[in-house]
Amino acid sequence: MAESGSDPEVLCLGETMSLVAPAVPVSLEQARTFTLSAGGAESNVAIHLAALGHRVGWASRVGDDPLGRRMLAVIAAAGVDTGLVEVRPDAPTGVYFKDPGPGGTKVYYYRAGSAASTMDENFLADERLDAPRLLHISGITPALSDGCDRLVRRLLTRERRARITFDVNYRPALWPVEQAGPRLRELAQLADVVFVGLDEAATLWGVETAEDVRKLLDEPDVVVVKDGADAAYALSTETVVVPAPTVEVVEPVGAGDAFAAGYLSGVLRGEDGIRCLRLGHILAAHSLLSTEDHMPLPDRGAVAEWLGCDEEQWRNLSFGGGVASKEGE
């Protein structure tokens, strides 16, 4: 957790729900045992950043119920400052379930009327928003309610000190593409750094390449486009491309949050575009090895070696046999 009296470098704002997942990667119908953890795009990013040594806070609302209290404890124990999370007695904590299967993982949400959906433009005072270097939000939040939509607009249009990073994170279960497409483009155009998958950009805006995305989102300083298992692009005044390393995928949900955290850690450390993308790839690849949204980081010595290797060595990396990890690093 952030030291007493010290402001976070990054503030992540958005809903976190109780995540129920099979303890081993089998379907919900077949599973006999389950894990209960905290799952939310923005808090996932916060947990990864805290593990990387950054001062990071998470802001949201949870219900005054056992699930909400458990999530607060879990996220705080991961080193994230939860002082800006409000506990509401009048609304529950949301829940979702992961259902792994041969064709991919399906996710079932039970979040209607959740405490987080009651956030609106009056959530958080300006001085709280001006403290961090980065404010991380996603396209999930404006889909939760009209109030949450007004909150995100306020964050993006107010005069601000913090740079805003925006992960498009389109969720079809929350709103139809006809509504989400123009709204998410409008919001992304107001951010400083944007993360988007090429597949979701194709769904939302009918684009085909990373360059097409950059033409569509021409206002942000940097647009980071993730092209699945192939590569990631950072497009600003120039384009940087880093291929994705090979990994045996156990379960893909949460890898995008890990990628964003790795990239943002590089930004905070003043790394160049290649090393920022590599940090994103390393955390995402490690996340793909587990059904959990976050897990202990890869060995730091290995990470340092991977960051410094040349392009051919990077292409030949394999995470397939698992990556050495040290608890607490």
C-alpha atoms as a PDB file:
ATOM      1  CA  MET A   1       0.000   0.000   0.000  1.00  0.00           C
ATOM      2  CA  ALA A   2       1.125   3.553  -0.542  1.00  0.00           C
ATOM      3  CA  GLU A   3       3.161   4.983   2.308  1.00  0.00           C
ATOM      4  CA  SER A   4       1.274   7.193   4.730  1.00  0.00           C
ATOM      5  CA  GLY A   5       1.053  10.720   3.395  1.00  0.00           C
ATOM      6  CA  SER A   6       2.290   9.798  -0.061  1.00  0.00           C
ATOM      7  CA  ASP A   7       0.075  10.231  -3.090  1.00  0.00           C
ATOM      8  CA  PRO A   8      -0.315   7.353  -5.552  1.00  0.00           C
ATOM      9  CA  GLU A   9       1.512   7.492  -8.865  1.00  0.00           C
ATOM     10  CA  VAL A  10      -1.527   5.894 -10.476  1.00  0.00           C
ATOM     11  CA  LEU A  11      -5.203   5.950  -9.555  1.00  0.00           C
ATOM     12  CA  CYS A  12      -7.352   3.232 -11.145  1.00  0.00           C
ATOM     13  CA  LEU A  13     -11.110   3.868 -11.125  1.00  0.00           C
ATOM     14  CA  GLY A  14     -13.807   1.336 -11.956  1.00  0.00           C
ATOM     15  CA  GLU A  15     -15.996  -1.517 -10.767  1.00  0.00           C
ATOM     16  CA  THR A  16     -14.589  -4.656  -9.202  1.00  0.00           C
ATOM     17  CA  MET A  17     -16.767  -7.692  -8.604  1.00  0.00           C
ATOM     18  CA  SER A  18     -16.408 -10.959  -6.756  1.00  0.00           C
ATOM     19  CA  LEU A  19     -14.992 -13.455  -9.239  1.00  0.00           C
ATOM     20  CA  VAL A  20     -15.964 -17.119  -8.994  1.00  0.00           C
ATOM     21  CA  ALA A  21     -13.894 -19.490 -11.156  1.00  0.00           C
ATOM     22  CA  PRO A  22     -13.219 -23.239 -11.269  1.00  0.00           C
ATOM     23  CA  ALA A  23     -10.108 -24.080  -9.267  1.00  0.00           C
ATOM     24  CA  VAL A  24      -8.830 -25.990 -12.318  1.00  0.00           C
ATOM     25  CA  PRO A  25      -9.553 -25.009 -15.948  1.00  0.00           C
ATOM     26  CA  VAL A  26     -12.753 -27.021 -16.483  1.00  0.00           C
ATOM     27  CA  SER A  27     -16.300 -25.818 -17.113  1.00  0.00           C
ATOM     28  CA  LEU A  28     -18.555 -24.521 -14.355  1.00  0.00           C
ATOM     29  CA  GLU A  29     -20.792 -27.543 -14.822  1.00  0.00           C
ATOM     30  CA  GLN A  30     -17.901 -29.964 -14.321  1.00  0.00           C
ATOM     31  CA  ALA A  31     -16.003 -28.148 -11.565  1.00  0.00           C
ATOM     32  CA  ARG A  32     -16.177 -29.421  -8.006  1.00  0.00           C
ATOM     33  CA  THR A  33     -14.148 -26.700  -6.322  1.00  0.00           C
ATOM     34  CA  PHE A  34     -13.977 -22.965  -6.992  1.00  0.00           C
ATOM     35  CA  THR A  35     -11.892 -19.936  -6.178  1.00  0.00           C
ATOM     36  CA  LEU A  36     -13.353 -16.662  -4.949  1.00  0.00           C
ATOM     37  CA  SER A  37     -11.306 -13.587  -5.741  1.00  0.00           C
ATOM     38  CA  ALA A  38     -11.583  -9.950  -6.776  1.00  0.00           C
ATOM     39  CA  GLY A  39     -12.040  -9.337 -10.495  1.00  0.00           C
ATOM     40  CA  GLY A  40     -12.213  -5.994 -12.228  1.00  0.00           C
ATOM     41  CA  ALA A  41     -10.290  -4.473 -15.117  1.00  0.00           C
ATOM     42  CA  GLU A  42      -9.101  -1.398 -13.241  1.00  0.00           C
ATOM     43  CA  SER A  43      -8.274  -3.108  -9.936  1.00  0.00           C
ATOM     44  CA  ASN A  44      -6.429  -5.827 -11.888  1.00  0.00           C
ATOM     45  CA  VAL A  45      -4.228  -3.102 -13.359  1.00  0.00           C
ATOM     46  CA  ALA A  46      -3.763  -1.635  -9.873  1.00  0.00           C
ATOM     47  CA  ILE A  47      -2.706  -4.985  -8.380  1.00  0.00           C
ATOM     48  CA  HIS A  48      -0.173  -5.629 -11.150  1.00  0.00           C
ATOM     49  CA  LEU A  49       1.271  -2.114 -10.790  1.00  0.00           C
ATOM     50  CA  ALA A  50       1.578  -2.518  -7.018  1.00  0.00           C
ATOM     51  CA  ALA A  51       3.416  -5.804  -7.545  1.00  0.00           C
ATOM     52  CA  LEU A  52       5.797  -3.955  -9.851  1.00  0.00           C
ATOM     53  CA  GLY A  53       6.641  -1.569  -7.038  1.00  0.00           C
ATOM     54  CA  HIS A  54       4.447   1.433  -7.882  1.00  0.00           C
ATOM     55  CA  ARG A  55       2.308   3.457  -5.500  1.00  0.00           C
ATOM     56  CA  VAL A  56      -1.202   2.854  -6.760  1.00  0.00           C
ATOM     57  CA  GLY A  57      -4.745   3.457  -5.559  1.00  0.00           C
ATOM     58  CA  TRP A  58      -8.135   2.085  -6.558  1.00  0.00           C
ATOM     59  CA  ALA A  59     -11.351   4.127  -6.394  1.00  0.00           C
ATOM     60  CA  SER A  60     -14.843   2.636  -6.631  1.00  0.00           C
ATOM     61  CA  ARG A  61     -17.904   1.642  -4.644  1.00  0.00           C
ATOM     62  CA  VAL A  62     -18.713  -1.763  -3.146  1.00  0.00           C
ATOM     63  CA  GLY A  63     -21.665  -3.077  -1.188  1.00  0.00           C
ATOM     64  CA  ASP A  64     -21.678  -3.255   2.596  1.00  0.00           C
ATOM     65  CA  ASP A  65     -21.696  -7.030   2.417  1.00  0.00           C
ATOM     66  CA  PRO A  66     -19.255  -9.913   2.962  1.00  0.00           C
ATOM     67  CA  LEU A  67     -18.198  -9.916  -0.699  1.00  0.00           C
ATOM     68  CA  GLY A  68     -17.439  -6.203  -0.705  1.00  0.00           C
ATOM     69  CA  ARG A  69     -15.439  -6.424   2.520  1.00  0.00           C
ATOM     70  CA  ARG A  70     -13.554  -9.455   1.225  1.00  0.00           C
ATOM     71  CA  MET A  71     -12.614  -7.649  -1.999  1.00  0.00           C
ATOM     72  CA  LEU A  72     -11.374  -4.603  -0.117  1.00  0.00           C
ATOM     73  CA  ALA A  73      -9.198  -6.819   2.075  1.00  0.00           C
ATOM     74  CA  VAL A  74      -7.802  -8.784  -0.876  1.00  0.00           C
ATOM     75  CA  ILE A  75      -6.963  -5.718  -2.944  1.00  0.00           C
ATOM     76  CA  ALA A  76      -5.458  -3.863   0.031  1.00  0.00           C
ATOM     77  CA  ALA A  77      -3.356  -6.926   0.878  1.00  0.00           C
ATOM     78  CA  ALA A  78      -1.944  -6.767  -2.659  1.00  0.00           C
ATOM     79  CA  GLY A  79      -0.455  -3.369  -1.859  1.00  0.00           C
ATOM     80  CA  VAL A  80      -3.163  -1.153  -3.371  1.00  0.00           C
ATOM     81  CA  ASP A  81      -4.454   1.895  -1.484  1.00  0.00           C
ATOM     82  CA  THR A  82      -8.237   1.422  -1.097  1.00  0.00           C
ATOM     83  CA  GLY A  83      -8.868   4.638   0.829  1.00  0.00           C
ATOM     84  CA  LEU A  84     -10.990   6.077  -1.994  1.00  0.00           C
ATOM     85  CA  VAL A  85     -13.400   3.136  -2.123  1.00  0.00           C
ATOM     86  CA  GLU A  86     -16.861   3.929  -0.735  1.00  0.00           C
ATOM     87  CA  VAL A  87     -18.896   1.200   0.985  1.00  0.00           C
ATOM     88  CA  ARG A  88     -22.623   1.479   0.229  1.00  0.00           C
ATOM     89  CA  PRO A  89     -25.303  -0.087   2.438  1.00  0.00           C
ATOM     90  CA  ASP A  90     -28.003   0.451  -0.210  1.00  0.00           C
ATOM     91  CA  ALA A  91     -26.572  -1.600  -3.103  1.00  0.00           C
ATOM     92  CA  PRO A  92     -24.810  -4.979  -3.420  1.00  0.00           C
ATOM     93  CA  THR A  93     -21.378  -5.966  -4.658  1.00  0.00           C
ATOM     94  CA  GLY A  94     -21.490  -7.395  -8.182  1.00  0.00           C
ATOM     95  CA  VAL A  95     -20.546 -11.015  -8.933  1.00  0.00           C
ATOM     96  CA  TYR A  96     -19.327 -12.759 -12.061  1.00  0.00           C
ATOM     97  CA  PHE A  97     -18.406 -16.304 -13.046  1.00  0.00           C
ATOM     98  CA  LYS A  98     -15.760 -17.619 -15.440  1.00  0.00           C
ATOM     99  CA  ASP A  99     -16.700 -20.702 -17.468  1.00  0.00           C
ATOM    100  CA  PRO A 100     -13.596 -22.114 -19.220  1.00  0.00           C
ATOM    101  CA  GLY A 101     -14.155 -24.341 -22.235  1.00  0.00           C
ATOM    102  CA  PRO A 102     -12.430 -25.657 -25.383  1.00  0.00           C
ATOM    103  CA  GLY A 103     -13.794 -22.776 -27.433  1.00  0.00           C
ATOM    104  CA  GLY A 104     -12.648 -20.145 -24.941  1.00  0.00           C
ATOM    105  CA  THR A 105     -13.820 -18.734 -21.661  1.00  0.00           C
ATOM    106  CA  LYS A 106     -17.364 -17.447 -21.242  1.00  0.00           C
ATOM    107  CA  VAL A 107     -18.124 -14.908 -18.549  1.00  0.00           C
ATOM    108  CA  TYR A 108     -21.459 -14.546 -16.754  1.00  0.00           C
ATOM    109  CA  TYR A 109     -22.114 -11.217 -15.018  1.00  0.00           C
ATOM    110  CA  TYR A 110     -24.522 -10.489 -12.168  1.00  0.00           C
ATOM    111  CA  ARG A 111     -23.903  -6.778 -11.719  1.00  0.00           C
ATOM    112  CA  ALA A 112     -27.219  -4.970 -12.390  1.00  0.00           C
ATOM    113  CA  GLY A 113     -27.864  -2.401  -9.644  1.00  0.00           C
ATOM    114  CA  SER A 114     -24.435  -2.921  -8.103  1.00  0.00           C
ATOM    115  CA  ALA A 115     -22.866  -0.406  -5.742  1.00  0.00           C
ATOM    116  CA  ALA A 116     -20.344   0.628  -8.395  1.00  0.00           C
ATOM    117  CA  SER A 117     -23.126   1.440 -10.847  1.00  0.00           C
ATOM    118  CA  THR A 118     -24.322   4.180  -8.454  1.00  0.00           C
ATOM    119  CA  MET A 119     -21.193   6.266  -9.089  1.00  0.00           C
ATOM    120  CA  ASP A 120     -21.853   9.562 -10.878  1.00  0.00           C
ATOM    121  CA  GLU A 121     -20.186  12.860 -11.759  1.00  0.00           C
ATOM    122  CA  ASN A 122     -19.992  13.834  -8.072  1.00  0.00           C
ATOM    123  CA  PHE A 123     -17.799  10.852  -7.189  1.00  0.00           C
ATOM    124  CA  LEU A 124     -14.349  11.985  -5.931  1.00  0.00           C
ATOM    125  CA  ALA A 125     -13.257  15.548  -5.287  1.00  0.00           C
ATOM    126  CA  ASP A 126     -11.016  17.310  -7.777  1.00  0.00           C
ATOM    127  CA  GLU A 127      -8.042  17.375  -5.398  1.00  0.00           C
ATOM    128  CA  ARG A 128      -8.119  13.565  -5.256  1.00  0.00           C
ATOM    129  CA  LEU A 129      -8.068  13.369  -9.030  1.00  0.00           C
ATOM    130  CA  ASP A 130      -5.184  15.830  -9.348  1.00  0.00           C
ATOM    131  CA  ALA A 131      -2.778  13.929  -7.084  1.00  0.00           C
ATOM    132  CA  PRO A 132      -1.619  10.992  -9.276  1.00  0.00           C
ATOM    133  CA  ARG A 133       0.558  11.093 -12.379  1.00  0.00           C
ATOM    134  CA  LEU A 134      -1.809   8.746 -14.212  1.00  0.00           C
ATOM    135  CA  LEU A 135      -5.553   8.145 -13.924  1.00  0.00           C
ATOM    136  CA  HIS A 136      -6.547   4.790 -15.444  1.00  0.00           C
ATOM    137  CA  ILE A 137     -10.156   4.155 -16.519  1.00  0.00           C
ATOM    138  CA  SER A 138     -11.897   1.891 -19.006  1.00  0.00           C
ATOM    139  CA  GLY A 139     -14.834   1.706 -21.387  1.00  0.00           C
ATOM    140  CA  ILE A 140     -16.605  -0.629 -18.965  1.00  0.00           C
ATOM    141  CA  THR A 141     -17.501   2.162 -16.543  1.00  0.00           C
ATOM    142  CA  PRO A 142     -19.632   4.354 -18.870  1.00  0.00           C
ATOM    143  CA  ALA A 143     -21.718   1.301 -19.765  1.00  0.00           C
ATOM    144  CA  LEU A 144     -22.746   0.626 -16.152  1.00  0.00           C
ATOM    145  CA  SER A 145     -25.248   3.479 -15.762  1.00  0.00           C
ATOM    146  CA  ASP A 146     -26.046   7.012 -16.878  1.00  0.00           C
ATOM    147  CA  GLY A 147     -24.335   8.299 -13.735  1.00  0.00           C
ATOM    148  CA  CYS A 148     -21.167   6.338 -14.501  1.00  0.00           C
ATOM    149  CA  ASP A 149     -21.221   7.694 -18.046  1.00  0.00           C
ATOM    150  CA  ARG A 150     -21.385  11.238 -16.687  1.00  0.00           C
ATOM    151  CA  LEU A 151     -18.514  10.454 -14.313  1.00  0.00           C
ATOM    152  CA  VAL A 152     -16.244   9.298 -17.141  1.00  0.00           C
ATOM    153  CA  ARG A 153     -17.110  12.354 -19.232  1.00  0.00           C
ATOM    154  CA  ARG A 154     -16.253  14.602 -16.301  1.00  0.00           C
ATOM    155  CA  LEU A 155     -12.899  12.853 -15.814  1.00  0.00           C
ATOM    156  CA  LEU A 156     -11.991  13.264 -19.477  1.00  0.00           C
ATOM    157  CA  THR A 157     -13.168  16.838 -20.019  1.00  0.00           C
ATOM    158  CA  ARG A 158     -12.095  18.593 -16.814  1.00  0.00           C
ATOM    159  CA  GLU A 159      -8.843  20.534 -16.612  1.00  0.00           C
ATOM    160  CA  ARG A 160      -6.409  18.050 -15.152  1.00  0.00           C
ATOM    161  CA  ARG A 161      -2.859  17.410 -14.080  1.00  0.00           C
ATOM    162  CA  ALA A 162      -2.900  13.629 -14.327  1.00  0.00           C
ATOM    163  CA  ARG A 163      -2.616  12.017 -17.742  1.00  0.00           C
ATOM    164  CA  ILE A 164      -5.588   9.751 -18.448  1.00  0.00           C
ATOM    165  CA  THR A 165      -5.082   6.249 -19.774  1.00  0.00           C
ATOM    166  CA  PHE A 166      -8.180   4.636 -21.255  1.00  0.00           C
ATOM    167  CA  ASP A 167      -8.641   0.936 -22.019  1.00  0.00           C
ATOM    168  CA  VAL A 168     -11.520   0.592 -24.497  1.00  0.00           C
ATOM    169  CA  ASN A 169     -12.518  -2.797 -22.994  1.00  0.00           C
ATOM    170  CA  TYR A 170     -15.719  -3.276 -24.998  1.00  0.00           C
ATOM    171  CA  ARG A 171     -18.171  -5.615 -23.238  1.00  0.00           C
ATOM    172  CA  PRO A 172     -21.003  -6.745 -25.577  1.00  0.00           C
ATOM    173  CA  ALA A 173     -23.039  -7.931 -22.592  1.00  0.00           C
ATOM    174  CA  LEU A 174     -23.253  -4.356 -21.323  1.00  0.00           C
ATOM    175  CA  TRP A 175     -24.285  -2.448 -24.454  1.00  0.00           C
ATOM    176  CA  PRO A 176     -24.843  -3.068 -28.185  1.00  0.00           C
ATOM    177  CA  VAL A 177     -22.136  -2.201 -30.666  1.00  0.00           C
ATOM    178  CA  GLU A 178     -24.362   0.418 -32.316  1.00  0.00           C
ATOM    179  CA  GLN A 179     -24.359   2.380 -29.067  1.00  0.00           C
ATOM    180  CA  ALA A 180     -20.879   1.492 -27.846  1.00  0.00           C
ATOM    181  CA  GLY A 181     -18.978   2.178 -31.070  1.00  0.00           C
ATOM    182  CA  PRO A 182     -19.498   5.950 -31.359  1.00  0.00           C
ATOM    183  CA  ARG A 183     -19.470   6.497 -27.587  1.00  0.00           C
ATOM    184  CA  LEU A 184     -16.200   4.655 -26.979  1.00  0.00           C
ATOM    185  CA  ARG A 185     -14.545   6.453 -29.881  1.00  0.00           C
ATOM    186  CA  GLU A 186     -15.677   9.796 -28.472  1.00  0.00           C
ATOM    187  CA  LEU A 187     -14.274   8.975 -25.032  1.00  0.00           C
ATOM    188  CA  ALA A 188     -11.029   7.506 -26.383  1.00  0.00           C
ATOM    189  CA  GLN A 189     -10.382  10.688 -28.358  1.00  0.00           C
ATOM    190  CA  LEU A 190     -10.321  12.630 -25.073  1.00  0.00           C
ATOM    191  CA  ALA A 191      -7.698  10.423 -23.380  1.00  0.00           C
ATOM    192  CA  ASP A 192      -3.909  10.740 -23.442  1.00  0.00           C
ATOM    193  CA  VAL A 193      -3.076   7.036 -23.859  1.00  0.00           C
ATOM    194  CA  VAL A 194      -5.535   4.496 -25.294  1.00  0.00           C
ATOM    195  CA  PHE A 195      -5.408   0.681 -25.198  1.00  0.00           C
ATOM    196  CA  VAL A 196      -7.540  -1.303 -27.644  1.00  0.00           C
ATOM    197  CA  GLY A 197      -7.492  -4.788 -29.126  1.00  0.00           C
ATOM    198  CA  LEU A 198      -7.462  -4.939 -32.902  1.00  0.00           C
ATOM    199  CA  ASP A 199     -10.330  -7.436 -32.774  1.00  0.00           C
ATOM    200  CA  GLU A 200     -12.532  -5.163 -30.664  1.00  0.00           C
ATOM    201  CA  ALA A 201     -11.602  -2.154 -32.813  1.00  0.00           C
ATOM    202  CA  ALA A 202     -12.759  -4.141 -35.844  1.00  0.00           C
ATOM    203  CA  THR A 203     -16.048  -4.918 -34.084  1.00  0.00           C
ATOM    204  CA  LEU A 204     -16.608  -1.364 -32.900  1.00  0.00           C
ATOM    205  CA  TRP A 205     -15.371   0.650 -35.860  1.00  0.00           C
ATOM    206  CA  GLY A 206     -14.867  -1.698 -38.820  1.00  0.00           C
ATOM    207  CA  VAL A 207     -11.095  -1.126 -39.044  1.00  0.00           C
ATOM    208  CA  GLU A 208      -8.584  -3.707 -40.256  1.00  0.00           C
ATOM    209  CA  THR A 209      -5.104  -2.581 -39.180  1.00  0.00           C
ATOM    210  CA  ALA A 210      -3.390  -0.817 -36.305  1.00  0.00           C
ATOM    211  CA  GLU A 211      -2.753   2.112 -38.644  1.00  0.00           C
ATOM    212  CA  ASP A 212      -6.496   2.302 -39.322  1.00  0.00           C
ATOM    213  CA  VAL A 213      -7.105   2.561 -35.576  1.00  0.00           C
ATOM    214  CA  ARG A 214      -4.615   5.393 -35.269  1.00  0.00           C
ATOM    215  CA  LYS A 215      -6.287   7.305 -38.102  1.00  0.00           C
ATOM    216  CA  LEU A 216      -9.615   6.915 -36.303  1.00  0.00           C
ATOM    217  CA  LEU A 217      -8.157   7.874 -32.906  1.00  0.00           C
ATOM    218  CA  ASP A 218      -5.945  10.768 -33.923  1.00  0.00           C
ATOM    219  CA  GLU A 219      -6.207  12.885 -30.753  1.00  0.00           C
ATOM    220  CA  PRO A 220      -4.484  10.768 -28.026  1.00  0.00           C
ATOM    221  CA  ASP A 221      -0.723  11.057 -27.569  1.00  0.00           C
ATOM    222  CA  VAL A 222      -0.320   7.280 -27.919  1.00  0.00           C
ATOM    223  CA  VAL A 223      -2.653   4.536 -29.125  1.00  0.00           C
ATOM    224  CA  VAL A 224      -1.602   1.024 -28.089  1.00  0.00           C
ATOM    225  CA  VAL A 225      -3.121  -1.673 -30.313  1.00  0.00           C
ATOM    226  CA  LYS A 226      -2.930  -5.311 -29.232  1.00  0.00           C
ATOM    227  CA  ASP A 227      -3.156  -7.797 -32.081  1.00  0.00           C
ATOM    228  CA  GLY A 228      -3.745 -10.963 -30.082  1.00  0.00           C
ATOM    229  CA  ALA A 229      -0.945 -13.514 -30.175  1.00  0.00           C
ATOM    230  CA  ASP A 230       0.831 -11.729 -33.034  1.00  0.00           C
ATOM    231  CA  ALA A 231       2.110  -8.333 -31.876  1.00  0.00           C
ATOM    232  CA  ALA A 232       1.412  -5.071 -30.095  1.00  0.00           C
ATOM    233  CA  TYR A 233       1.781  -1.595 -31.579  1.00  0.00           C
ATOM    234  CA  ALA A 234       2.394   1.784 -29.941  1.00  0.00           C
ATOM    235  CA  LEU A 235       1.390   4.497 -32.397  1.00  0.00           C
ATOM    236  CA  SER A 236       2.234   8.132 -31.732  1.00  0.00           C
ATOM    237  CA  THR A 237       4.368  10.342 -33.981  1.00  0.00           C
ATOM    238  CA  GLU A 238       6.034   7.073 -34.968  1.00  0.00           C
ATOM    239  CA  THR A 239       5.005   3.427 -34.820  1.00  0.00           C
ATOM    240  CA  VAL A 240       6.706   0.851 -32.588  1.00  0.00           C
ATOM    241  CA  VAL A 241       5.895  -2.849 -33.036  1.00  0.00           C
ATOM    242  CA  VAL A 242       6.874  -5.727 -30.723  1.00  0.00           C
ATOM    243  CA  PRO A 243       5.849  -9.322 -31.553  1.00  0.00           C
ATOM    244  CA  ALA A 244       4.135 -11.327 -28.839  1.00  0.00           C
ATOM    245  CA  PRO A 245       6.138 -14.196 -27.284  1.00  0.00           C
ATOM    246  CA  THR A 246       4.855 -17.760 -27.482  1.00  0.00           C
ATOM    247  CA  VAL A 247       2.713 -18.920 -24.575  1.00  0.00           C
ATOM    248  CA  GLU A 248       0.519 -21.944 -23.870  1.00  0.00           C
ATOM    249  CA  VAL A 249      -2.808 -20.324 -22.994  1.00  0.00           C
ATOM    250  CA  VAL A 250      -4.590 -21.725 -19.951  1.00  0.00           C
ATOM    251  CA  GLU A 251      -7.212 -18.972 -19.770  1.00  0.00           C
ATOM    252  CA  PRO A 252      -7.192 -15.569 -21.514  1.00  0.00           C
ATOM    253  CA  VAL A 253      -9.481 -13.350 -19.421  1.00  0.00           C
ATOM    254  CA  GLY A 254      -7.451 -10.704 -17.577  1.00  0.00           C
ATOM    255  CA  ALA A 255      -4.430 -10.754 -19.894  1.00  0.00           C
ATOM    256  CA  GLY A 256      -5.344  -7.357 -21.354  1.00  0.00           C
ATOM    257  CA  ASP A 257      -5.273  -5.794 -17.884  1.00  0.00           C
ATOM    258  CA  ALA A 258      -1.864  -7.337 -17.222  1.00  0.00           C
ATOM    259  CA  PHE A 259      -0.601  -5.954 -20.538  1.00  0.00           C
ATOM    260  CA  ALA A 260      -1.843  -2.448 -19.698  1.00  0.00           C
ATOM    261  CA  ALA A 261      -0.146  -2.573 -16.289  1.00  0.00           C
ATOM    262  CA  GLY A 262       3.160  -3.668 -17.792  1.00  0.00           C
ATOM    263  CA  TYR A 263       3.051  -0.946 -20.416  1.00  0.00           C
ATOM    264  CA  LEU A 264       2.132   1.738 -17.868  1.00  0.00           C
ATOM    265  CA  SER A 265       4.927   0.598 -15.562  1.00  0.00           C
ATOM    266  CA  GLY A 266       7.313   1.224 -18.426  1.00  0.00           C
ATOM    267  CA  VAL A 267       5.823   4.686 -18.952  1.00  0.00           C
ATOM    268  CA  LEU A 268       6.218   5.534 -15.259  1.00  0.00           C
ATOM    269  CA  ARG A 269       9.842   4.363 -15.356  1.00  0.00           C
ATOM    270  CA  GLY A 270      10.592   6.443 -18.455  1.00  0.00           C
ATOM    271  CA  GLU A 271      11.237   3.448 -20.714  1.00  0.00           C
ATOM    272  CA  ASP A 272      11.114   3.678 -24.499  1.00  0.00           C
ATOM    273  CA  GLY A 273       8.244   2.283 -26.567  1.00  0.00           C
ATOM    274  CA  ILE A 274       9.861  -1.104 -27.203  1.00  0.00           C
ATOM    275  CA  ARG A 275      10.521  -1.796 -23.528  1.00  0.00           C
ATOM    276  CA  CYS A 276       7.039  -0.572 -22.537  1.00  0.00           C
ATOM    277  CA  LEU A 277       5.469  -3.016 -25.007  1.00  0.00           C
ATOM    278  CA  ARG A 278       7.770  -5.817 -23.842  1.00  0.00           C
ATOM    279  CA  LEU A 279       6.768  -5.267 -20.221  1.00  0.00           C
ATOM    280  CA  GLY A 280       3.154  -5.460 -21.351  1.00  0.00           C
ATOM    281  CA  HIS A 281       3.777  -8.708 -23.205  1.00  0.00           C
ATOM    282  CA  ILE A 282       5.642 -10.274 -20.258  1.00  0.00           C
ATOM    283  CA  LEU A 283       2.850  -9.616 -17.769  1.00  0.00           C
ATOM    284  CA  ALA A 284       0.147 -10.664 -20.247  1.00  0.00           C
ATOM    285  CA  ALA A 285       1.953 -13.897 -21.105  1.00  0.00           C
ATOM    286  CA  HIS A 286       2.358 -14.741 -17.438  1.00  0.00           C
ATOM    287  CA  SER A 287      -1.347 -14.032 -16.820  1.00  0.00           C
ATOM    288  CA  LEU A 288      -2.309 -16.450 -19.604  1.00  0.00           C
ATOM    289  CA  LEU A 289      -0.800 -19.333 -17.613  1.00  0.00           C
ATOM    290  CA  SER A 290      -3.512 -19.206 -14.921  1.00  0.00           C
ATOM    291  CA  THR A 291      -7.289 -19.012 -14.434  1.00  0.00           C
ATOM    292  CA  GLU A 292      -6.625 -16.208 -11.929  1.00  0.00           C
ATOM    293  CA  ASP A 293      -6.706 -12.584 -13.106  1.00  0.00           C
ATOM    294  CA  HIS A 294      -3.422 -11.921 -11.311  1.00  0.00           C
ATOM    295  CA  MET A 295      -0.619 -14.097  -9.948  1.00  0.00           C
ATOM    296  CA  PRO A 296       2.956 -13.702  -8.657  1.00  0.00           C
ATOM    297  CA  LEU A 297       5.213 -11.939 -11.122  1.00  0.00           C
ATOM    298  CA  PRO A 298       7.852 -13.661 -13.242  1.00  0.00           C
ATOM    299  CA  ASP A 299      11.342 -13.762 -11.758  1.00  0.00           C
ATOM    300  CA  ARG A 300      12.832 -10.270 -11.957  1.00  0.00           C
ATOM    301  CA  GLY A 301      16.142 -11.509 -13.316  1.00  0.00           C
ATOM    302  CA  ALA A 302      14.362 -13.189 -16.196  1.00  0.00           C
ATOM    303  CA  VAL A 303      12.316 -10.060 -16.873  1.00  0.00           C
ATOM    304  CA  ALA A 304      15.464  -7.942 -17.027  1.00  0.00           C
ATOM    305  CA  GLU A 305      17.037 -10.400 -19.463  1.00  0.00           C
ATOM    306  CA  TRP A 306      13.936 -10.440 -21.688  1.00  0.00           C
ATOM    307  CA  LEU A 307      13.716  -6.664 -21.746  1.00  0.00           C
ATOM    308  CA  GLY A 308      17.284  -6.385 -22.977  1.00  0.00           C
ATOM    309  CA  CYS A 309      17.351  -9.195 -25.533  1.00  0.00           C
ATOM    310  CA  ASP A 310      17.508  -8.514 -29.247  1.00  0.00           C
ATOM    311  CA  GLU A 311      14.555  -8.981 -31.606  1.00  0.00           C
ATOM    312  CA  GLU A 312      15.473 -12.511 -32.688  1.00  0.00           C
ATOM    313  CA  GLN A 313      15.914 -13.682 -29.101  1.00  0.00           C
ATOM    314  CA  TRP A 314      12.600 -12.079 -28.178  1.00  0.00           C
ATOM    315  CA  ARG A 315      10.755 -13.871 -30.983  1.00  0.00           C
ATOM    316  CA  ASN A 316      12.151 -17.191 -29.769  1.00  0.00           C
ATOM    317  CA  LEU A 317      11.056 -16.784 -26.156  1.00  0.00           C
ATOM    318  CA  SER A 318       8.640 -19.409 -24.885  1.00  0.00           C
ATOM    319  CA  PHE A 319       6.468 -19.165 -21.800  1.00  0.00           C
ATOM    320  CA  GLY A 320       4.984 -22.593 -22.515  1.00  0.00           C
ATOM    321  CA  GLY A 321       6.724 -24.518 -19.734  1.00  0.00           C
ATOM    322  CA  GLY A 322       5.739 -21.964 -17.123  1.00  0.00           C
ATOM    323  CA  VAL A 323       7.730 -18.996 -15.906  1.00  0.00           C
ATOM    324  CA  ALA A 324       9.779 -19.047 -12.745  1.00  0.00           C
ATOM    325  CA  SER A 325       8.148 -16.885 -10.111  1.00  0.00           C
ATOM    326  CA  LYS A 326       8.982 -15.781  -6.591  1.00  0.00           C
ATOM    327  CA  GLU A 327       6.196 -15.090  -4.118  1.00  0.00           C
ATOM    328  CA  GLY A 328       6.081 -11.444  -3.161  1.00  0.00           C
ATOM    329  CA  GLU A 329       8.323 -10.115  -5.915  1.00  0.00           C
END
